[in-house]
Amino acid sequence: MQDKLCLEFERPILELEKKISDMRDFAAGSNIQLSEEISSLQSKVNKMREEIFSSLTRWQKVQLARHPRRPHTLDYIELMTTDFIEIHGDRYFADDKALVGGFAKLEGRPVLIVGQQKGRDTKQKLLRNFGMMHPEGYRKALRLFKLAEKFNKPIVILIDTPGAYPGIGAEERGQAEAIARNLREMAVLTVPIVIVIIGEGASGGALGIGIGDKIFMLEYSWYSVISPEGCSAILWRDAAQAPQAAEALKLTADDLMDLQIVDKIVKEPPGGAHNDYKSMATSVKNEIVSALDELQTLPQDQLLQNRLMKFRRMGVFRIAED
């Protein structure tokens, strides 16, 4: 395990796991019985992991959402679906590699699946623009949504982005208009839309493909109007204050459930999604399938009414009378 692929608070766990692995190798090679010692260390690892992950700060959860080994959209597509056919381009300007999407089968059910892809190594990250979509990405997404509506197929959206791309070229090509148009059009799409925030859900970059009937968050994902670093730079002119900003933003899955912004938290495997891709993908798939089973029984007018009311209720509060 390379140091750069783990977070600081994970290090004690990984060091113990490395010791267990070395003991197993030694026992196998020397024919010495070390099962009791290994079992004792494994219990210690489990206890340590439970203690650390039960008291994570909001900033630590943000770091987990950005974990270099965290599964990305293409990982989920590979593990959850079959017969995936990717569709490219917005038919106006270009094919935005930060967004992948196409038709696939989910437990035998045809769906449109769309999501941001960050990339793993430097080459892939540059190709995918770190998951930051350009206007053509939002227009490609809308083109795919309209195709799904045309063929009456439900839409599954996986969100994982640090935000929409803020470059001059993106602004010249109508970044704000592309996001705004998606908000308007997604609100009235006549097919069910299920959204899962699998990592980062930052600002309009996430919301531009984030209007749906059910919104789920992975346990260690985050969703906010701005990143902690962006908030910190604006309020304190110091990105180093990001941990304090994360606390104020209330951006974790637990926070969003309390605020009634999301519908459900999808639990992650012990230590986070990056420790067990298959288990995580199975959990996400089960939640999506269950949601689609429910949504596809609703009459079209009821589906749209529920979706509109879901978003209209956000941000509404009552002042208690004296």
Protein backbone atom coordinates (compact mmCIF):
# COMPACT_ATOMS: atom_id res chain seq x y z
CA MET A 1 0.00 0.00 0.00
CA GLN A 2 1.58 3.26 -1.09
CA ASP A 3 1.41 6.10 1.42
CA LYS A 4 -0.07 8.46 -1.15
CA LEU A 5 -3.04 6.11 -1.58
CA CYS A 6 -4.18 6.33 2.02
CA LEU A 7 -5.47 9.09 4.27
CA GLU A 8 -3.69 10.06 7.46
CA PHE A 9 -6.41 8.74 9.77
CA GLU A 10 -6.37 5.41 7.88
CA ARG A 11 -2.65 4.89 8.48
CA PRO A 12 -2.84 3.10 11.89
CA ILE A 13 -5.36 0.63 10.45
CA LEU A 14 -3.27 -0.06 7.37
CA GLU A 15 -0.12 -0.55 9.43
CA LEU A 16 -1.85 -3.22 11.53
CA GLU A 17 -3.30 -4.88 8.42
CA LYS A 18 0.20 -4.96 6.92
CA LYS A 19 1.49 -6.63 10.10
CA ILE A 20 -1.28 -9.25 9.89
CA SER A 21 -0.43 -9.91 6.24
CA ASP A 22 3.27 -10.33 7.09
CA MET A 23 2.41 -12.73 9.92
CA ARG A 24 0.25 -14.84 7.60
CA ASP A 25 3.04 -15.00 5.04
CA PHE A 26 5.59 -15.93 7.71
CA ALA A 27 3.32 -18.61 9.19
CA ALA A 28 2.69 -20.12 5.76
CA GLY A 29 6.37 -20.13 4.87
CA SER A 30 7.72 -21.48 8.16
CA ASN A 31 4.85 -23.81 9.08
CA ILE A 32 4.42 -22.05 12.44
CA GLN A 33 0.96 -21.72 14.00
CA LEU A 34 0.14 -18.04 14.56
CA SER A 35 -3.64 -18.15 14.25
CA GLU A 36 -4.29 -16.87 17.78
CA GLU A 37 -1.95 -13.90 17.35
CA ILE A 38 -3.45 -13.11 13.95
CA SER A 39 -6.99 -13.36 15.32
CA SER A 40 -6.09 -11.04 18.20
CA LEU A 41 -4.60 -8.47 15.82
CA GLN A 42 -7.62 -8.72 13.50
CA SER A 43 -9.95 -8.00 16.43
CA LYS A 44 -7.79 -5.01 17.26
CA VAL A 45 -8.03 -3.78 13.64
CA ASN A 46 -11.81 -4.14 13.63
CA LYS A 47 -12.13 -2.26 16.90
CA MET A 48 -9.77 0.48 15.75
CA ARG A 49 -11.64 0.89 12.45
CA GLU A 50 -14.97 1.11 14.26
CA GLU A 51 -13.63 3.74 16.67
CA ILE A 52 -12.04 5.86 13.96
CA PHE A 53 -14.93 5.74 11.51
CA SER A 54 -17.60 6.34 14.15
CA SER A 55 -16.07 9.70 15.05
CA LEU A 56 -15.02 11.16 11.71
CA THR A 57 -15.23 14.92 11.32
CA ARG A 58 -17.00 16.45 8.35
CA TRP A 59 -13.65 17.31 6.81
CA GLN A 60 -12.47 13.72 7.13
CA LYS A 61 -15.62 12.56 5.34
CA VAL A 62 -14.85 15.04 2.56
CA GLN A 63 -11.40 13.47 2.31
CA LEU A 64 -12.95 9.99 2.09
CA ALA A 65 -15.22 11.17 -0.73
CA ARG A 66 -12.03 12.15 -2.59
CA HIS A 67 -10.10 9.00 -1.73
CA PRO A 68 -7.75 8.14 -4.62
CA ARG A 69 -8.98 4.53 -4.63
CA ARG A 70 -12.69 5.32 -4.34
CA PRO A 71 -14.85 3.67 -7.04
CA HIS A 72 -15.92 5.98 -9.85
CA THR A 73 -18.86 5.97 -12.25
CA LEU A 74 -17.34 3.52 -14.74
CA ASP A 75 -16.58 1.11 -11.88
CA TYR A 76 -20.24 1.13 -10.85
CA ILE A 77 -21.42 0.76 -14.43
CA GLU A 78 -19.18 -2.28 -14.89
CA LEU A 79 -20.25 -3.89 -11.61
CA MET A 80 -23.96 -3.03 -11.63
CA THR A 81 -25.03 -3.25 -15.26
CA THR A 82 -24.76 -5.35 -18.39
CA ASP A 83 -24.86 -4.48 -22.10
CA PHE A 84 -23.68 -0.90 -21.53
CA ILE A 85 -23.57 1.12 -24.76
CA GLU A 86 -21.93 4.52 -24.32
CA ILE A 87 -23.28 7.48 -26.29
CA HIS A 88 -20.99 10.38 -27.14
CA GLY A 89 -21.30 14.06 -27.97
CA ASP A 90 -23.78 16.89 -27.50
CA ARG A 91 -24.47 17.35 -31.28
CA TYR A 92 -23.43 21.00 -30.90
CA PHE A 93 -19.75 21.32 -30.01
CA ALA A 94 -17.88 18.33 -28.59
CA ASP A 95 -17.90 15.15 -26.52
CA ASP A 96 -17.19 16.03 -22.89
CA LYS A 97 -15.12 13.19 -21.45
CA ALA A 98 -15.96 14.31 -17.89
CA LEU A 99 -19.42 12.78 -18.40
CA VAL A 100 -20.11 9.21 -19.43
CA GLY A 101 -23.55 7.94 -20.28
CA GLY A 102 -25.48 5.43 -22.26
CA PHE A 103 -28.08 2.70 -22.15
CA ALA A 104 -27.57 -0.47 -20.12
CA LYS A 105 -29.49 -3.20 -18.34
CA LEU A 106 -29.85 -3.10 -14.57
CA GLU A 107 -31.05 -6.47 -13.29
CA GLY A 108 -32.46 -7.01 -16.78
CA ARG A 109 -34.24 -3.63 -16.78
CA PRO A 110 -33.22 -1.22 -19.58
CA VAL A 111 -32.09 2.12 -18.14
CA LEU A 112 -30.15 5.19 -19.11
CA ILE A 113 -27.16 5.58 -16.79
CA VAL A 114 -25.17 8.81 -16.65
CA GLY A 115 -22.39 10.02 -14.38
CA GLN A 116 -19.24 12.06 -13.96
CA GLN A 117 -15.90 10.27 -14.34
CA LYS A 118 -12.81 11.69 -12.63
CA GLY A 119 -10.05 9.40 -13.86
CA ARG A 120 -7.36 7.55 -11.90
CA ASP A 121 -3.86 8.40 -13.12
CA THR A 122 -2.63 11.76 -14.39
CA LYS A 123 -3.41 10.96 -18.03
CA GLN A 124 -6.97 9.88 -17.25
CA LYS A 125 -7.58 12.81 -14.91
CA LEU A 126 -6.57 15.25 -17.62
CA LEU A 127 -8.70 13.43 -20.19
CA ARG A 128 -11.71 13.50 -17.84
CA ASN A 129 -10.92 17.03 -16.64
CA PHE A 130 -11.07 15.75 -13.04
CA GLY A 131 -14.81 15.17 -13.41
CA MET A 132 -15.52 18.87 -14.06
CA MET A 133 -18.02 19.17 -16.88
CA HIS A 134 -18.03 21.79 -19.63
CA PRO A 135 -21.27 23.16 -21.13
CA GLU A 136 -21.14 20.43 -23.77
CA GLY A 137 -21.20 17.88 -20.94
CA TYR A 138 -24.48 19.25 -19.60
CA ARG A 139 -25.87 19.42 -23.15
CA LYS A 140 -24.79 15.83 -23.78
CA ALA A 141 -26.52 14.80 -20.57
CA LEU A 142 -29.71 16.56 -21.61
CA ARG A 143 -29.60 14.91 -25.04
CA LEU A 144 -29.38 11.53 -23.32
CA PHE A 145 -32.19 12.39 -20.90
CA LYS A 146 -34.43 13.29 -23.85
CA LEU A 147 -33.56 9.98 -25.53
CA ALA A 148 -34.55 8.12 -22.36
CA GLU A 149 -37.82 10.03 -22.26
CA LYS A 150 -38.48 9.30 -25.94
CA PHE A 151 -38.07 5.55 -25.38
CA ASN A 152 -39.69 5.60 -21.92
CA LYS A 153 -36.63 4.33 -20.04
CA PRO A 154 -35.84 5.32 -16.43
CA ILE A 155 -32.75 7.42 -15.73
CA VAL A 156 -30.00 6.60 -13.22
CA ILE A 157 -27.50 9.36 -12.41
CA LEU A 158 -24.24 8.97 -10.48
CA ILE A 159 -22.81 12.25 -9.18
CA ASP A 160 -19.13 12.73 -8.41
CA THR A 161 -17.69 16.14 -9.23
CA PRO A 162 -15.74 18.95 -7.56
CA GLY A 163 -17.88 21.37 -9.58
CA ALA A 164 -18.57 22.57 -13.10
CA TYR A 165 -15.47 23.65 -15.02
CA PRO A 166 -14.89 27.39 -14.31
CA GLY A 167 -12.66 28.18 -17.32
CA ILE A 168 -13.10 31.11 -19.69
CA GLY A 169 -13.96 28.85 -22.61
CA ALA A 170 -16.72 27.15 -20.64
CA GLU A 171 -18.20 30.53 -19.73
CA GLU A 172 -17.98 31.69 -23.35
CA ARG A 173 -19.91 28.60 -24.44
CA GLY A 174 -22.70 29.21 -21.92
CA GLN A 175 -21.91 27.21 -18.78
CA ALA A 176 -24.61 28.89 -16.67
CA GLU A 177 -27.22 28.59 -19.43
CA ALA A 178 -26.47 24.89 -19.95
CA ILE A 179 -26.89 24.13 -16.23
CA ALA A 180 -30.04 26.27 -15.95
CA ARG A 181 -31.60 24.58 -18.98
CA ASN A 182 -30.94 21.16 -17.45
CA LEU A 183 -32.65 22.20 -14.22
CA ARG A 184 -35.73 23.29 -16.13
CA GLU A 185 -35.88 20.29 -18.45
CA MET A 186 -35.12 17.65 -15.83
CA ALA A 187 -37.94 18.96 -13.65
CA VAL A 188 -40.49 17.89 -16.27
CA LEU A 189 -38.97 14.71 -17.73
CA THR A 190 -41.74 12.13 -17.79
CA VAL A 191 -39.62 9.13 -16.74
CA PRO A 192 -38.37 8.18 -13.25
CA ILE A 193 -35.00 9.64 -12.22
CA VAL A 194 -32.87 8.11 -9.46
CA ILE A 195 -29.74 9.94 -8.34
CA VAL A 196 -26.87 8.59 -6.24
CA ILE A 197 -24.10 10.87 -4.96
CA ILE A 198 -21.15 8.48 -4.97
CA GLY A 199 -18.40 10.92 -4.00
CA GLU A 200 -18.36 14.69 -4.31
CA GLY A 201 -21.47 16.70 -5.10
CA ALA A 202 -20.29 20.26 -5.49
CA SER A 203 -22.37 23.27 -6.43
CA GLY A 204 -24.13 23.68 -9.78
CA GLY A 205 -21.72 21.15 -11.22
CA ALA A 206 -23.65 18.48 -9.36
CA LEU A 207 -27.09 20.08 -9.51
CA GLY A 208 -26.86 20.40 -13.30
CA ILE A 209 -27.58 16.67 -13.49
CA GLY A 210 -29.12 16.44 -10.02
CA ILE A 211 -32.88 16.92 -10.38
CA GLY A 212 -34.62 13.64 -9.67
CA ASP A 213 -37.35 11.72 -7.88
CA LYS A 214 -35.06 9.91 -5.43
CA ILE A 215 -31.71 11.20 -4.21
CA PHE A 216 -29.39 8.86 -2.34
CA MET A 217 -26.00 9.58 -0.81
CA LEU A 218 -23.22 7.18 -0.01
CA GLU A 219 -22.28 7.27 3.65
CA TYR A 220 -19.00 9.11 3.08
CA SER A 221 -20.01 11.39 0.23
CA TRP A 222 -20.75 15.11 0.44
CA TYR A 223 -23.18 17.51 -1.27
CA SER A 224 -23.07 21.28 -0.97
CA VAL A 225 -23.46 24.62 -2.75
CA ILE A 226 -19.68 25.07 -2.58
CA SER A 227 -16.58 23.09 -1.67
CA PRO A 228 -15.02 23.63 1.76
CA GLU A 229 -11.94 25.14 0.10
CA GLY A 230 -14.07 27.55 -1.95
CA CYS A 231 -16.08 28.59 1.09
CA SER A 232 -12.89 29.04 3.10
CA ALA A 233 -11.29 31.19 0.40
CA ILE A 234 -14.34 33.47 0.27
CA LEU A 235 -14.96 33.82 4.01
CA TRP A 236 -11.41 33.80 5.38
CA ARG A 237 -9.31 34.28 2.22
CA ASP A 238 -7.46 31.20 3.37
CA ALA A 239 -8.05 27.71 1.95
CA ALA A 240 -6.42 26.26 5.06
CA GLN A 241 -9.65 26.97 6.91
CA ALA A 242 -11.44 24.29 4.84
CA PRO A 243 -12.02 21.97 7.86
CA GLN A 244 -13.82 24.81 9.66
CA ALA A 245 -15.82 25.58 6.52
CA ALA A 246 -16.83 21.92 6.19
CA GLU A 247 -18.29 22.00 9.70
CA ALA A 248 -20.30 25.13 8.91
CA LEU A 249 -21.56 23.90 5.54
CA LYS A 250 -23.18 20.74 6.99
CA LEU A 251 -22.44 18.82 3.81
CA THR A 252 -22.31 15.18 4.91
CA ALA A 253 -24.91 12.51 4.23
CA ASP A 254 -26.14 12.68 7.84
CA ASP A 255 -26.53 16.46 7.57
CA LEU A 256 -28.43 16.24 4.31
CA MET A 257 -30.78 13.61 5.72
CA ASP A 258 -31.50 15.86 8.71
CA LEU A 259 -32.23 18.74 6.32
CA GLN A 260 -34.49 16.47 4.22
CA ILE A 261 -32.49 17.14 1.06
CA VAL A 262 -31.76 13.48 0.33
CA ASP A 263 -33.99 10.45 0.70
CA LYS A 264 -31.61 7.81 2.01
CA ILE A 265 -28.03 7.11 3.04
CA VAL A 266 -26.41 4.05 1.45
CA LYS A 267 -24.08 2.46 3.99
CA GLU A 268 -20.51 1.83 2.90
CA PRO A 269 -18.37 -1.23 3.66
CA PRO A 270 -16.14 -1.00 6.76
CA GLY A 271 -13.47 1.60 6.06
CA GLY A 272 -15.24 3.07 3.05
CA ALA A 273 -16.32 2.16 -0.48
CA HIS A 274 -12.72 1.83 -1.68
CA ASN A 275 -12.25 -1.26 0.50
CA ASP A 276 -14.89 -3.36 -1.26
CA TYR A 277 -16.05 -2.29 -4.72
CA LYS A 278 -18.35 -5.27 -5.25
CA SER A 279 -20.17 -4.91 -1.95
CA MET A 280 -20.61 -1.18 -2.51
CA ALA A 281 -21.89 -1.64 -6.05
CA THR A 282 -24.35 -4.29 -4.87
CA SER A 283 -25.74 -1.96 -2.20
CA VAL A 284 -26.10 0.89 -4.69
CA LYS A 285 -27.75 -1.38 -7.26
CA ASN A 286 -30.24 -2.72 -4.73
CA GLU A 287 -31.27 0.79 -3.70
CA ILE A 288 -31.69 1.90 -7.31
CA VAL A 289 -33.73 -1.16 -8.25
CA SER A 290 -35.97 -0.74 -5.21
CA ALA A 291 -36.52 2.94 -6.01
CA LEU A 292 -37.34 2.23 -9.65
CA ASP A 293 -39.81 -0.50 -8.61
CA GLU A 294 -41.62 2.13 -6.56
CA LEU A 295 -41.41 5.02 -9.04
CA GLN A 296 -42.49 3.07 -12.10
CA THR A 297 -45.83 2.29 -10.49
CA LEU A 298 -46.73 5.99 -10.22
CA PRO A 299 -48.92 7.72 -12.82
CA GLN A 300 -46.97 10.24 -14.86
CA ASP A 301 -48.74 13.30 -13.44
CA GLN A 302 -48.14 12.08 -9.88
CA LEU A 303 -44.46 11.44 -10.62
CA LEU A 304 -43.97 15.01 -11.88
CA GLN A 305 -45.97 16.54 -9.05
CA ASN A 306 -43.94 14.68 -6.44
CA ARG A 307 -40.67 15.74 -8.08
CA LEU A 308 -41.64 19.41 -8.19
CA MET A 309 -42.84 19.41 -4.59
CA LYS A 310 -39.67 17.64 -3.47
CA PHE A 311 -37.53 20.55 -4.61
CA ARG A 312 -39.98 23.27 -3.64
CA ARG A 313 -39.88 22.03 -0.04
CA MET A 314 -36.10 22.43 0.14
CA GLY A 315 -35.06 25.45 2.14
CA VAL A 316 -38.51 26.03 3.64
CA PHE A 317 -38.47 26.65 7.37
CA ARG A 318 -40.84 27.82 10.06
CA ILE A 319 -40.18 30.38 12.77
CA ALA A 320 -41.49 29.23 16.13
CA GLU A 321 -43.93 31.60 17.73
CA ASP A 322 -43.19 32.94 21.22
